[in-house]
Amino acid sequence: LRLSCAASGSIFRFNAMGWYRQAPGKQRELVAAITSGGTTNYA
């Protein structure tokens, strides 16, 4: 699957972005993140 997230505002390119997930009965957790410069990290 491919998820997309569209952001409003001109600040997008300066912000790190992340994807989180929350399964039933569990805490929300970081799945992946990407900085404004394109550096990534993953669970």
PDB file of all heavy atoms in Angstrom:
ATOM      1  N   LEU A   1       0.855  -1.178   0.000  1.00  0.00           N
ATOM      2  CA  LEU A   1       0.000   0.000   0.000  1.00  0.00           C
ATOM      3  C   LEU A   1       0.894   1.231   0.000  1.00  0.00           C
ATOM      4  O   LEU A   1       2.026   1.193   0.498  1.00  0.00           O
ATOM      5  CB  LEU A   1      -0.905   0.041   1.236  1.00  0.00           C
ATOM      6  CG  LEU A   1      -2.140  -0.841   1.268  1.00  0.00           C
ATOM      7  CD1 LEU A   1      -2.804  -0.756   2.645  1.00  0.00           C
ATOM      8  CD2 LEU A   1      -3.127  -0.460   0.178  1.00  0.00           C
ATOM      9  N   ARG A   2       0.349   2.314  -0.503  1.00  0.00           N
ATOM     10  CA  ARG A   2       1.075   3.589  -0.495  1.00  0.00           C
ATOM     11  C   ARG A   2       0.176   4.627   0.156  1.00  0.00           C
ATOM     12  O   ARG A   2      -0.916   4.910  -0.338  1.00  0.00           O
ATOM     13  CB  ARG A   2       1.430   4.007  -1.911  1.00  0.00           C
ATOM     14  CG  ARG A   2       2.214   5.305  -2.024  1.00  0.00           C
ATOM     15  CD  ARG A   2       2.520   5.558  -3.489  1.00  0.00           C
ATOM     16  NE  ARG A   2       3.108   6.847  -3.783  1.00  0.00           N
ATOM     17  CZ  ARG A   2       4.398   7.101  -3.805  1.00  0.00           C
ATOM     18  NH1 ARG A   2       5.269   6.141  -3.530  1.00  0.00           N
ATOM     19  NH2 ARG A   2       4.856   8.315  -4.099  1.00  0.00           N
ATOM     20  N   LEU A   3       0.653   5.173   1.247  1.00  0.00           N
ATOM     21  CA  LEU A   3      -0.073   6.228   1.933  1.00  0.00           C
ATOM     22  C   LEU A   3       0.474   7.578   1.482  1.00  0.00           C
ATOM     23  O   LEU A   3       1.666   7.719   1.214  1.00  0.00           O
ATOM     24  CB  LEU A   3       0.079   6.097   3.446  1.00  0.00           C
ATOM     25  CG  LEU A   3      -0.313   4.761   4.068  1.00  0.00           C
ATOM     26  CD1 LEU A   3      -0.165   4.836   5.596  1.00  0.00           C
ATOM     27  CD2 LEU A   3      -1.713   4.360   3.689  1.00  0.00           C
ATOM     28  N   SER A   4      -0.425   8.558   1.456  1.00  0.00           N
ATOM     29  CA  SER A   4      -0.033   9.919   1.127  1.00  0.00           C
ATOM     30  C   SER A   4      -0.585  10.856   2.186  1.00  0.00           C
ATOM     31  O   SER A   4      -1.642  10.590   2.777  1.00  0.00           O
ATOM     32  CB  SER A   4      -0.569  10.320  -0.240  1.00  0.00           C
ATOM     33  OG  SER A   4      -0.064   9.495  -1.262  1.00  0.00           O
ATOM     34  N   CYS A   5       0.112  11.938   2.400  1.00  0.00           N
ATOM     35  CA  CYS A   5      -0.344  12.955   3.350  1.00  0.00           C
ATOM     36  C   CYS A   5      -0.081  14.315   2.726  1.00  0.00           C
ATOM     37  O   CYS A   5       1.083  14.684   2.496  1.00  0.00           O
ATOM     38  CB  CYS A   5       0.383  12.812   4.671  1.00  0.00           C
ATOM     39  SG  CYS A   5      -0.025  14.095   5.878  1.00  0.00           S
ATOM     40  N   ALA A   6      -1.146  15.035   2.466  1.00  0.00           N
ATOM     41  CA  ALA A   6      -1.040  16.368   1.882  1.00  0.00           C
ATOM     42  C   ALA A   6      -1.092  17.407   2.988  1.00  0.00           C
ATOM     43  O   ALA A   6      -1.964  17.350   3.866  1.00  0.00           O
ATOM     44  CB  ALA A   6      -2.168  16.588   0.894  1.00  0.00           C
ATOM     45  N   ALA A   7      -0.164  18.337   2.955  1.00  0.00           N
ATOM     46  CA  ALA A   7      -0.069  19.368   3.986  1.00  0.00           C
ATOM     47  C   ALA A   7      -0.373  20.736   3.406  1.00  0.00           C
ATOM     48  O   ALA A   7       0.022  21.047   2.280  1.00  0.00           O
ATOM     49  CB  ALA A   7       1.328  19.363   4.598  1.00  0.00           C
ATOM     50  N   SER A   8      -1.080  21.520   4.165  1.00  0.00           N
ATOM     51  CA  SER A   8      -1.328  22.900   3.764  1.00  0.00           C
ATOM     52  C   SER A   8      -0.211  23.778   4.287  1.00  0.00           C
ATOM     53  O   SER A   8       0.511  23.409   5.212  1.00  0.00           O
ATOM     54  CB  SER A   8      -2.662  23.377   4.317  1.00  0.00           C
ATOM     55  OG  SER A   8      -2.595  23.433   5.730  1.00  0.00           O
ATOM     56  N   GLY A   9      -0.062  24.944   3.708  1.00  0.00           N
ATOM     57  CA  GLY A   9       0.903  25.894   4.256  1.00  0.00           C
ATOM     58  C   GLY A   9       2.246  25.856   3.570  1.00  0.00           C
ATOM     59  O   GLY A   9       2.698  24.819   3.102  1.00  0.00           O
ATOM     60  N   SER A  10       2.901  27.001   3.552  1.00  0.00           N
ATOM     61  CA  SER A  10       4.178  27.132   2.856  1.00  0.00           C
ATOM     62  C   SER A  10       5.355  26.640   3.680  1.00  0.00           C
ATOM     63  O   SER A  10       6.472  26.613   3.193  1.00  0.00           O
ATOM     64  CB  SER A  10       4.396  28.605   2.481  1.00  0.00           C
ATOM     65  OG  SER A  10       4.395  29.401   3.657  1.00  0.00           O
ATOM     66  N   ILE A  11       5.099  26.248   4.952  1.00  0.00           N
ATOM     67  CA  ILE A  11       6.203  25.828   5.804  1.00  0.00           C
ATOM     68  C   ILE A  11       6.595  24.380   5.581  1.00  0.00           C
ATOM     69  O   ILE A  11       7.574  23.908   6.131  1.00  0.00           O
ATOM     70  CB  ILE A  11       5.856  26.008   7.297  1.00  0.00           C
ATOM     71  CG1 ILE A  11       4.664  25.116   7.675  1.00  0.00           C
ATOM     72  CG2 ILE A  11       5.565  27.463   7.599  1.00  0.00           C
ATOM     73  CD1 ILE A  11       4.398  25.070   9.155  1.00  0.00           C
ATOM     74  N   PHE A  12       5.803  23.668   4.779  1.00  0.00           N
ATOM     75  CA  PHE A  12       6.003  22.224   4.648  1.00  0.00           C
ATOM     76  C   PHE A  12       7.450  21.877   4.364  1.00  0.00           C
ATOM     77  O   PHE A  12       8.029  20.988   4.973  1.00  0.00           O
ATOM     78  CB  PHE A  12       5.097  21.674   3.547  1.00  0.00           C
ATOM     79  CG  PHE A  12       5.328  20.214   3.243  1.00  0.00           C
ATOM     80  CD1 PHE A  12       4.733  19.239   4.011  1.00  0.00           C
ATOM     81  CD2 PHE A  12       6.147  19.836   2.187  1.00  0.00           C
ATOM     82  CE1 PHE A  12       4.946  17.895   3.745  1.00  0.00           C
ATOM     83  CE2 PHE A  12       6.374  18.494   1.917  1.00  0.00           C
ATOM     84  CZ  PHE A  12       5.768  17.515   2.698  1.00  0.00           C
ATOM     85  N   ARG A  13       8.046  22.583   3.407  1.00  0.00           N
ATOM     86  CA  ARG A  13       9.378  22.189   2.974  1.00  0.00           C
ATOM     87  C   ARG A  13      10.432  22.377   4.063  1.00  0.00           C
ATOM     88  O   ARG A  13      11.544  21.867   3.939  1.00  0.00           O
ATOM     89  CB  ARG A  13       9.777  22.974   1.733  1.00  0.00           C
ATOM     90  CG  ARG A  13       9.978  24.465   1.954  1.00  0.00           C
ATOM     91  CD  ARG A  13      10.231  25.162   0.642  1.00  0.00           C
ATOM     92  NE  ARG A  13       9.100  25.037  -0.257  1.00  0.00           N
ATOM     93  CZ  ARG A  13       9.147  25.277  -1.556  1.00  0.00           C
ATOM     94  NH1 ARG A  13      10.296  25.639  -2.105  1.00  0.00           N
ATOM     95  NH2 ARG A  13       8.077  25.164  -2.310  1.00  0.00           N
ATOM     96  N   PHE A  14      10.105  23.110   5.119  1.00  0.00           N
ATOM     97  CA  PHE A  14      11.066  23.351   6.187  1.00  0.00           C
ATOM     98  C   PHE A  14      10.876  22.402   7.365  1.00  0.00           C
ATOM     99  O   PHE A  14      11.638  22.440   8.326  1.00  0.00           O
ATOM    100  CB  PHE A  14      10.940  24.789   6.687  1.00  0.00           C
ATOM    101  CG  PHE A  14      11.113  25.807   5.605  1.00  0.00           C
ATOM    102  CD1 PHE A  14      10.060  26.610   5.222  1.00  0.00           C
ATOM    103  CD2 PHE A  14      12.323  25.946   4.965  1.00  0.00           C
ATOM    104  CE1 PHE A  14      10.211  27.548   4.205  1.00  0.00           C
ATOM    105  CE2 PHE A  14      12.492  26.877   3.948  1.00  0.00           C
ATOM    106  CZ  PHE A  14      11.426  27.677   3.570  1.00  0.00           C
ATOM    107  N   ASN A  15       9.852  21.579   7.291  1.00  0.00           N
ATOM    108  CA  ASN A  15       9.479  20.745   8.441  1.00  0.00           C
ATOM    109  C   ASN A  15       9.805  19.282   8.233  1.00  0.00           C
ATOM    110  O   ASN A  15       9.620  18.739   7.146  1.00  0.00           O
ATOM    111  CB  ASN A  15       7.972  20.859   8.686  1.00  0.00           C
ATOM    112  CG  ASN A  15       7.631  22.040   9.538  1.00  0.00           C
ATOM    113  OD1 ASN A  15       8.274  23.078   9.449  1.00  0.00           O
ATOM    114  ND2 ASN A  15       6.625  21.886  10.373  1.00  0.00           N
ATOM    115  N   ALA A  16      10.253  18.662   9.330  1.00  0.00           N
ATOM    116  CA  ALA A  16      10.296  17.212   9.338  1.00  0.00           C
ATOM    117  C   ALA A  16       8.866  16.677   9.355  1.00  0.00           C
ATOM    118  O   ALA A  16       7.954  17.321   9.883  1.00  0.00           O
ATOM    119  CB  ALA A  16      11.051  16.709  10.564  1.00  0.00           C
ATOM    120  N   MET A  17       8.680  15.522   8.743  1.00  0.00           N
ATOM    121  CA  MET A  17       7.364  14.884   8.681  1.00  0.00           C
ATOM    122  C   MET A  17       7.497  13.454   9.183  1.00  0.00           C
ATOM    123  O   MET A  17       8.544  12.819   9.018  1.00  0.00           O
ATOM    124  CB  MET A  17       6.840  14.863   7.246  1.00  0.00           C
ATOM    125  CG  MET A  17       6.672  16.225   6.612  1.00  0.00           C
ATOM    126  SD  MET A  17       5.381  17.204   7.400  1.00  0.00           S
ATOM    127  CE  MET A  17       3.941  16.182   7.092  1.00  0.00           C
ATOM    128  N   GLY A  18       6.425  12.960   9.768  1.00  0.00           N
ATOM    129  CA  GLY A  18       6.473  11.593  10.271  1.00  0.00           C
ATOM    130  C   GLY A  18       5.177  10.859  10.026  1.00  0.00           C
ATOM    131  O   GLY A  18       4.123  11.458   9.825  1.00  0.00           O
ATOM    132  N   TRP A  19       5.299   9.546   9.994  1.00  0.00           N
ATOM    133  CA  TRP A  19       4.142   8.650   9.989  1.00  0.00           C
ATOM    134  C   TRP A  19       4.154   7.868  11.289  1.00  0.00           C
ATOM    135  O   TRP A  19       5.185   7.303  11.678  1.00  0.00           O
ATOM    136  CB  TRP A  19       4.204   7.681   8.808  1.00  0.00           C
ATOM    137  CG  TRP A  19       3.858   8.280   7.489  1.00  0.00           C
ATOM    138  CD1 TRP A  19       4.706   8.728   6.530  1.00  0.00           C
ATOM    139  CD2 TRP A  19       2.537   8.506   6.988  1.00  0.00           C
ATOM    140  NE1 TRP A  19       4.012   9.216   5.454  1.00  0.00           N
ATOM    141  CE2 TRP A  19       2.663   9.086   5.704  1.00  0.00           C
ATOM    142  CE3 TRP A  19       1.247   8.263   7.473  1.00  0.00           C
ATOM    143  CZ2 TRP A  19       1.580   9.431   4.916  1.00  0.00           C
ATOM    144  CZ3 TRP A  19       0.165   8.606   6.688  1.00  0.00           C
ATOM    145  CH2 TRP A  19       0.329   9.179   5.433  1.00  0.00           C
ATOM    146  N   TYR A  20       3.015   7.854  11.940  1.00  0.00           N
ATOM    147  CA  TYR A  20       2.811   7.083  13.158  1.00  0.00           C
ATOM    148  C   TYR A  20       1.682   6.093  12.912  1.00  0.00           C
ATOM    149  O   TYR A  20       0.912   6.234  11.960  1.00  0.00           O
ATOM    150  CB  TYR A  20       2.427   7.997  14.321  1.00  0.00           C
ATOM    151  CG  TYR A  20       3.533   8.878  14.841  1.00  0.00           C
ATOM    152  CD1 TYR A  20       4.004   9.959  14.098  1.00  0.00           C
ATOM    153  CD2 TYR A  20       4.105   8.637  16.088  1.00  0.00           C
ATOM    154  CE1 TYR A  20       5.021  10.767  14.587  1.00  0.00           C
ATOM    155  CE2 TYR A  20       5.116   9.447  16.587  1.00  0.00           C
ATOM    156  CZ  TYR A  20       5.563  10.506  15.828  1.00  0.00           C
ATOM    157  OH  TYR A  20       6.570  11.314  16.325  1.00  0.00           O
ATOM    158  N   ARG A  21       1.590   5.126  13.796  1.00  0.00           N
ATOM    159  CA  ARG A  21       0.454   4.204  13.723  1.00  0.00           C
ATOM    160  C   ARG A  21       0.013   3.829  15.129  1.00  0.00           C
ATOM    161  O   ARG A  21       0.799   3.860  16.076  1.00  0.00           O
ATOM    162  CB  ARG A  21       0.799   2.956  12.923  1.00  0.00           C
ATOM    163  CG  ARG A  21       1.835   2.051  13.555  1.00  0.00           C
ATOM    164  CD  ARG A  21       2.205   0.919  12.588  1.00  0.00           C
ATOM    165  NE  ARG A  21       3.188   0.002  13.163  1.00  0.00           N
ATOM    166  CZ  ARG A  21       3.788  -0.972  12.462  1.00  0.00           C
ATOM    167  NH1 ARG A  21       3.487  -1.147  11.177  1.00  0.00           N
ATOM    168  NH2 ARG A  21       4.672  -1.751  13.066  1.00  0.00           N
ATOM    169  N   GLN A  22      -1.263   3.463  15.194  1.00  0.00           N
ATOM    170  CA  GLN A  22      -1.820   3.034  16.476  1.00  0.00           C
ATOM    171  C   GLN A  22      -2.737   1.853  16.235  1.00  0.00           C
ATOM    172  O   GLN A  22      -3.742   1.966  15.522  1.00  0.00           O
ATOM    173  CB  GLN A  22      -2.585   4.166  17.157  1.00  0.00           C
ATOM    174  CG  GLN A  22      -3.027   3.831  18.558  1.00  0.00           C
ATOM    175  CD  GLN A  22      -3.477   5.059  19.329  1.00  0.00           C
ATOM    176  OE1 GLN A  22      -3.792   6.100  18.764  1.00  0.00           O
ATOM    177  NE2 GLN A  22      -3.494   4.947  20.648  1.00  0.00           N
ATOM    178  N   ALA A  23      -2.345   0.734  16.810  1.00  0.00           N
ATOM    179  CA  ALA A  23      -3.161  -0.475  16.739  1.00  0.00           C
ATOM    180  C   ALA A  23      -4.094  -0.513  17.938  1.00  0.00           C
ATOM    181  O   ALA A  23      -3.821   0.115  18.965  1.00  0.00           O
ATOM    182  CB  ALA A  23      -2.270  -1.710  16.711  1.00  0.00           C
ATOM    183  N   PRO A  24      -5.190  -1.236  17.836  1.00  0.00           N
ATOM    184  CA  PRO A  24      -6.136  -1.314  18.962  1.00  0.00           C
ATOM    185  C   PRO A  24      -5.460  -1.781  20.245  1.00  0.00           C
ATOM    186  O   PRO A  24      -4.734  -2.772  20.247  1.00  0.00           O
ATOM    187  CB  PRO A  24      -7.164  -2.338  18.480  1.00  0.00           C
ATOM    188  CG  PRO A  24      -7.113  -2.257  16.998  1.00  0.00           C
ATOM    189  CD  PRO A  24      -5.678  -1.977  16.664  1.00  0.00           C
ATOM    190  N   GLY A  25      -5.675  -1.028  21.316  1.00  0.00           N
ATOM    191  CA  GLY A  25      -5.111  -1.393  22.604  1.00  0.00           C
ATOM    192  C   GLY A  25      -3.644  -1.088  22.767  1.00  0.00           C
ATOM    193  O   GLY A  25      -3.043  -1.449  23.793  1.00  0.00           O
ATOM    194  N   LYS A  26      -3.049  -0.429  21.786  1.00  0.00           N
ATOM    195  CA  LYS A  26      -1.622  -0.122  21.860  1.00  0.00           C
ATOM    196  C   LYS A  26      -1.398   1.380  21.763  1.00  0.00           C
ATOM    197  O   LYS A  26      -2.258   2.120  21.312  1.00  0.00           O
ATOM    198  CB  LYS A  26      -0.859  -0.842  20.737  1.00  0.00           C
ATOM    199  CG  LYS A  26      -0.872  -2.353  20.865  1.00  0.00           C
ATOM    200  CD  LYS A  26       0.038  -2.987  19.833  1.00  0.00           C
ATOM    201  CE  LYS A  26       0.097  -4.499  20.005  1.00  0.00           C
ATOM    202  NZ  LYS A  26       1.014  -5.139  19.017  1.00  0.00           N
ATOM    203  N   GLN A  27      -0.203   1.792  22.189  1.00  0.00           N
ATOM    204  CA  GLN A  27       0.142   3.200  22.096  1.00  0.00           C
ATOM    205  C   GLN A  27       0.520   3.560  20.665  1.00  0.00           C
ATOM    206  O   GLN A  27       0.953   2.709  19.875  1.00  0.00           O
ATOM    207  CB  GLN A  27       1.322   3.509  23.034  1.00  0.00           C
ATOM    208  CG  GLN A  27       0.962   3.468  24.512  1.00  0.00           C
ATOM    209  CD  GLN A  27       2.093   3.971  25.387  1.00  0.00           C
ATOM    210  OE1 GLN A  27       3.259   3.838  25.059  1.00  0.00           O
ATOM    211  NE2 GLN A  27       1.738   4.564  26.517  1.00  0.00           N
ATOM    212  N   ARG A  28       0.347   4.819  20.360  1.00  0.00           N
ATOM    213  CA  ARG A  28       0.775   5.309  19.061  1.00  0.00           C
ATOM    214  C   ARG A  28       2.303   5.234  18.986  1.00  0.00           C
ATOM    215  O   ARG A  28       2.998   5.597  19.931  1.00  0.00           O
ATOM    216  CB  ARG A  28       0.290   6.743  18.855  1.00  0.00           C
ATOM    217  CG  ARG A  28       0.440   7.266  17.449  1.00  0.00           C
ATOM    218  CD  ARG A  28      -0.263   8.606  17.279  1.00  0.00           C
ATOM    219  NE  ARG A  28      -1.708   8.511  17.469  1.00  0.00           N
ATOM    220  CZ  ARG A  28      -2.551   9.509  17.214  1.00  0.00           C
ATOM    221  NH1 ARG A  28      -2.087  10.657  16.745  1.00  0.00           N
ATOM    222  NH2 ARG A  28      -3.838   9.351  17.425  1.00  0.00           N
ATOM    223  N   GLU A  29       2.802   4.776  17.851  1.00  0.00           N
ATOM    224  CA  GLU A  29       4.250   4.613  17.697  1.00  0.00           C
ATOM    225  C   GLU A  29       4.720   5.231  16.387  1.00  0.00           C
ATOM    226  O   GLU A  29       3.987   5.255  15.391  1.00  0.00           O
ATOM    227  CB  GLU A  29       4.635   3.126  17.719  1.00  0.00           C
ATOM    228  CG  GLU A  29       4.057   2.291  16.596  1.00  0.00           C
ATOM    229  CD  GLU A  29       4.559   0.868  16.577  1.00  0.00           C
ATOM    230  OE1 GLU A  29       5.438   0.514  17.383  1.00  0.00           O
ATOM    231  OE2 GLU A  29       4.074   0.089  15.723  1.00  0.00           O
ATOM    232  N   LEU A  30       5.964   5.688  16.417  1.00  0.00           N
ATOM    233  CA  LEU A  30       6.577   6.243  15.213  1.00  0.00           C
ATOM    234  C   LEU A  30       6.925   5.107  14.264  1.00  0.00           C
ATOM    235  O   LEU A  30       7.560   4.122  14.662  1.00  0.00           O
ATOM    236  CB  LEU A  30       7.836   7.025  15.568  1.00  0.00           C
ATOM    237  CG  LEU A  30       8.610   7.600  14.387  1.00  0.00           C
ATOM    238  CD1 LEU A  30       7.817   8.677  13.672  1.00  0.00           C
ATOM    239  CD2 LEU A  30       9.953   8.159  14.862  1.00  0.00           C
ATOM    240  N   VAL A  31       6.526   5.267  13.014  1.00  0.00           N
ATOM    241  CA  VAL A  31       6.838   4.285  11.980  1.00  0.00           C
ATOM    242  C   VAL A  31       8.029   4.749  11.159  1.00  0.00           C
ATOM    243  O   VAL A  31       8.982   4.002  10.938  1.00  0.00           O
ATOM    244  CB  VAL A  31       5.623   4.049  11.064  1.00  0.00           C
ATOM    245  CG1 VAL A  31       5.981   3.109   9.922  1.00  0.00           C
ATOM    246  CG2 VAL A  31       4.439   3.520  11.865  1.00  0.00           C
ATOM    247  N   ALA A  32       7.973   5.999  10.697  1.00  0.00           N
ATOM    248  CA  ALA A  32       9.041   6.530   9.849  1.00  0.00           C
ATOM    249  C   ALA A  32       8.996   8.038   9.900  1.00  0.00           C
ATOM    250  O   ALA A  32       7.933   8.626  10.134  1.00  0.00           O
ATOM    251  CB  ALA A  32       8.892   6.045   8.410  1.00  0.00           C
ATOM    252  N   ALA A  33      10.146   8.662   9.689  1.00  0.00           N
ATOM    253  CA  ALA A  33      10.221  10.111   9.688  1.00  0.00           C
ATOM    254  C   ALA A  33      11.213  10.556   8.634  1.00  0.00           C
ATOM    255  O   ALA A  33      12.136   9.803   8.266  1.00  0.00           O
ATOM    256  CB  ALA A  33      10.622  10.638  11.060  1.00  0.00           C
ATOM    257  N   ILE A  34      11.022  11.780   8.162  1.00  0.00           N
ATOM    258  CA  ILE A  34      11.924  12.335   7.163  1.00  0.00           C
ATOM    259  C   ILE A  34      12.128  13.812   7.474  1.00  0.00           C
ATOM    260  O   ILE A  34      11.171  14.540   7.742  1.00  0.00           O
ATOM    261  CB  ILE A  34      11.374  12.126   5.734  1.00  0.00           C
ATOM    262  CG1 ILE A  34      12.362  12.626   4.684  1.00  0.00           C
ATOM    263  CG2 ILE A  34       9.996  12.756   5.549  1.00  0.00           C
ATOM    264  CD1 ILE A  34      12.022  12.170   3.261  1.00  0.00           C
ATOM    265  N   THR A  35      13.388  14.244   7.471  1.00  0.00           N
ATOM    266  CA  THR A  35      13.676  15.642   7.751  1.00  0.00           C
ATOM    267  C   THR A  35      13.439  16.488   6.501  1.00  0.00           C
ATOM    268  O   THR A  35      13.199  15.971   5.411  1.00  0.00           O
ATOM    269  CB  THR A  35      15.139  15.809   8.193  1.00  0.00           C
ATOM    270  OG1 THR A  35      15.995  15.527   7.077  1.00  0.00           O
ATOM    271  CG2 THR A  35      15.472  14.885   9.362  1.00  0.00           C
ATOM    272  N   SER A  36      13.543  17.796   6.674  1.00  0.00           N
ATOM    273  CA  SER A  36      13.389  18.687   5.525  1.00  0.00           C
ATOM    274  C   SER A  36      14.478  18.425   4.481  1.00  0.00           C
ATOM    275  O   SER A  36      14.252  18.629   3.283  1.00  0.00           O
ATOM    276  CB  SER A  36      13.427  20.145   5.981  1.00  0.00           C
ATOM    277  OG  SER A  36      14.656  20.415   6.641  1.00  0.00           O
ATOM    278  N   GLY A  37      15.613  17.935   4.909  1.00  0.00           N
ATOM    279  CA  GLY A  37      16.711  17.644   3.995  1.00  0.00           C
ATOM    280  C   GLY A  37      16.683  16.255   3.405  1.00  0.00           C
ATOM    281  O   GLY A  37      17.536  15.900   2.592  1.00  0.00           O
ATOM    282  N   GLY A  38      15.697  15.450   3.835  1.00  0.00           N
ATOM    283  CA  GLY A  38      15.539  14.127   3.254  1.00  0.00           C
ATOM    284  C   GLY A  38      16.147  12.983   4.050  1.00  0.00           C
ATOM    285  O   GLY A  38      16.088  11.830   3.606  1.00  0.00           O
ATOM    286  N   THR A  39      16.695  13.267   5.217  1.00  0.00           N
ATOM    287  CA  THR A  39      17.205  12.192   6.059  1.00  0.00           C
ATOM    288  C   THR A  39      16.041  11.417   6.660  1.00  0.00           C
ATOM    289  O   THR A  39      15.087  12.019   7.136  1.00  0.00           O
ATOM    290  CB  THR A  39      18.088  12.747   7.176  1.00  0.00           C
ATOM    291  OG1 THR A  39      19.177  13.466   6.599  1.00  0.00           O
ATOM    292  CG2 THR A  39      18.629  11.628   8.052  1.00  0.00           C
ATOM    293  N   THR A  40      16.152  10.108   6.615  1.00  0.00           N
ATOM    294  CA  THR A  40      15.045   9.264   7.058  1.00  0.00           C
ATOM    295  C   THR A  40      15.443   8.396   8.247  1.00  0.00           C
ATOM    296  O   THR A  40      16.626   8.097   8.452  1.00  0.00           O
ATOM    297  CB  THR A  40      14.563   8.342   5.928  1.00  0.00           C
ATOM    298  OG1 THR A  40      15.661   7.524   5.495  1.00  0.00           O
ATOM    299  CG2 THR A  40      14.050   9.150   4.747  1.00  0.00           C
ATOM    300  N   ASN A  41      14.453   8.006   9.011  1.00  0.00           N
ATOM    301  CA  ASN A  41      14.657   6.968  10.018  1.00  0.00           C
ATOM    302  C   ASN A  41      13.382   6.157  10.154  1.00  0.00           C
ATOM    303  O   ASN A  41      12.289   6.649   9.851  1.00  0.00           O
ATOM    304  CB  ASN A  41      15.102   7.524  11.366  1.00  0.00           C
ATOM    305  CG  ASN A  41      14.033   8.309  12.075  1.00  0.00           C
ATOM    306  OD1 ASN A  41      13.746   9.440  11.726  1.00  0.00           O
ATOM    307  ND2 ASN A  41      13.421   7.692  13.082  1.00  0.00           N
ATOM    308  N   TYR A  42      13.557   4.914  10.574  1.00  0.00           N
ATOM    309  CA  TYR A  42      12.458   3.957  10.582  1.00  0.00           C
ATOM    310  C   TYR A  42      12.434   3.170  11.883  1.00  0.00           C
ATOM    311  O   TYR A  42      13.478   2.919  12.500  1.00  0.00           O
ATOM    312  CB  TYR A  42      12.621   2.951   9.429  1.00  0.00           C
ATOM    313  CG  TYR A  42      12.582   3.558   8.063  1.00  0.00           C
ATOM    314  CD1 TYR A  42      13.745   3.983   7.436  1.00  0.00           C
ATOM    315  CD2 TYR A  42      11.369   3.729   7.396  1.00  0.00           C
ATOM    316  CE1 TYR A  42      13.711   4.561   6.185  1.00  0.00           C
ATOM    317  CE2 TYR A  42      11.332   4.301   6.135  1.00  0.00           C
ATOM    318  CZ  TYR A  42      12.507   4.711   5.534  1.00  0.00           C
ATOM    319  OH  TYR A  42      12.458   5.280   4.293  1.00  0.00           O
ATOM    320  N   ALA A  43      11.248   2.746  12.269  1.00  0.00           N
ATOM    321  CA  ALA A  43      11.133   1.786  13.354  1.00  0.00           C
ATOM    322  C   ALA A  43      11.771   0.474  12.899  1.00  0.00           C
ATOM    323  O   ALA A  43      11.689   0.113  11.720  1.00  0.00           O
ATOM    324  CB  ALA A  43       9.667   1.562  13.702  1.00  0.00           C
TER     325      ALA A  43
END
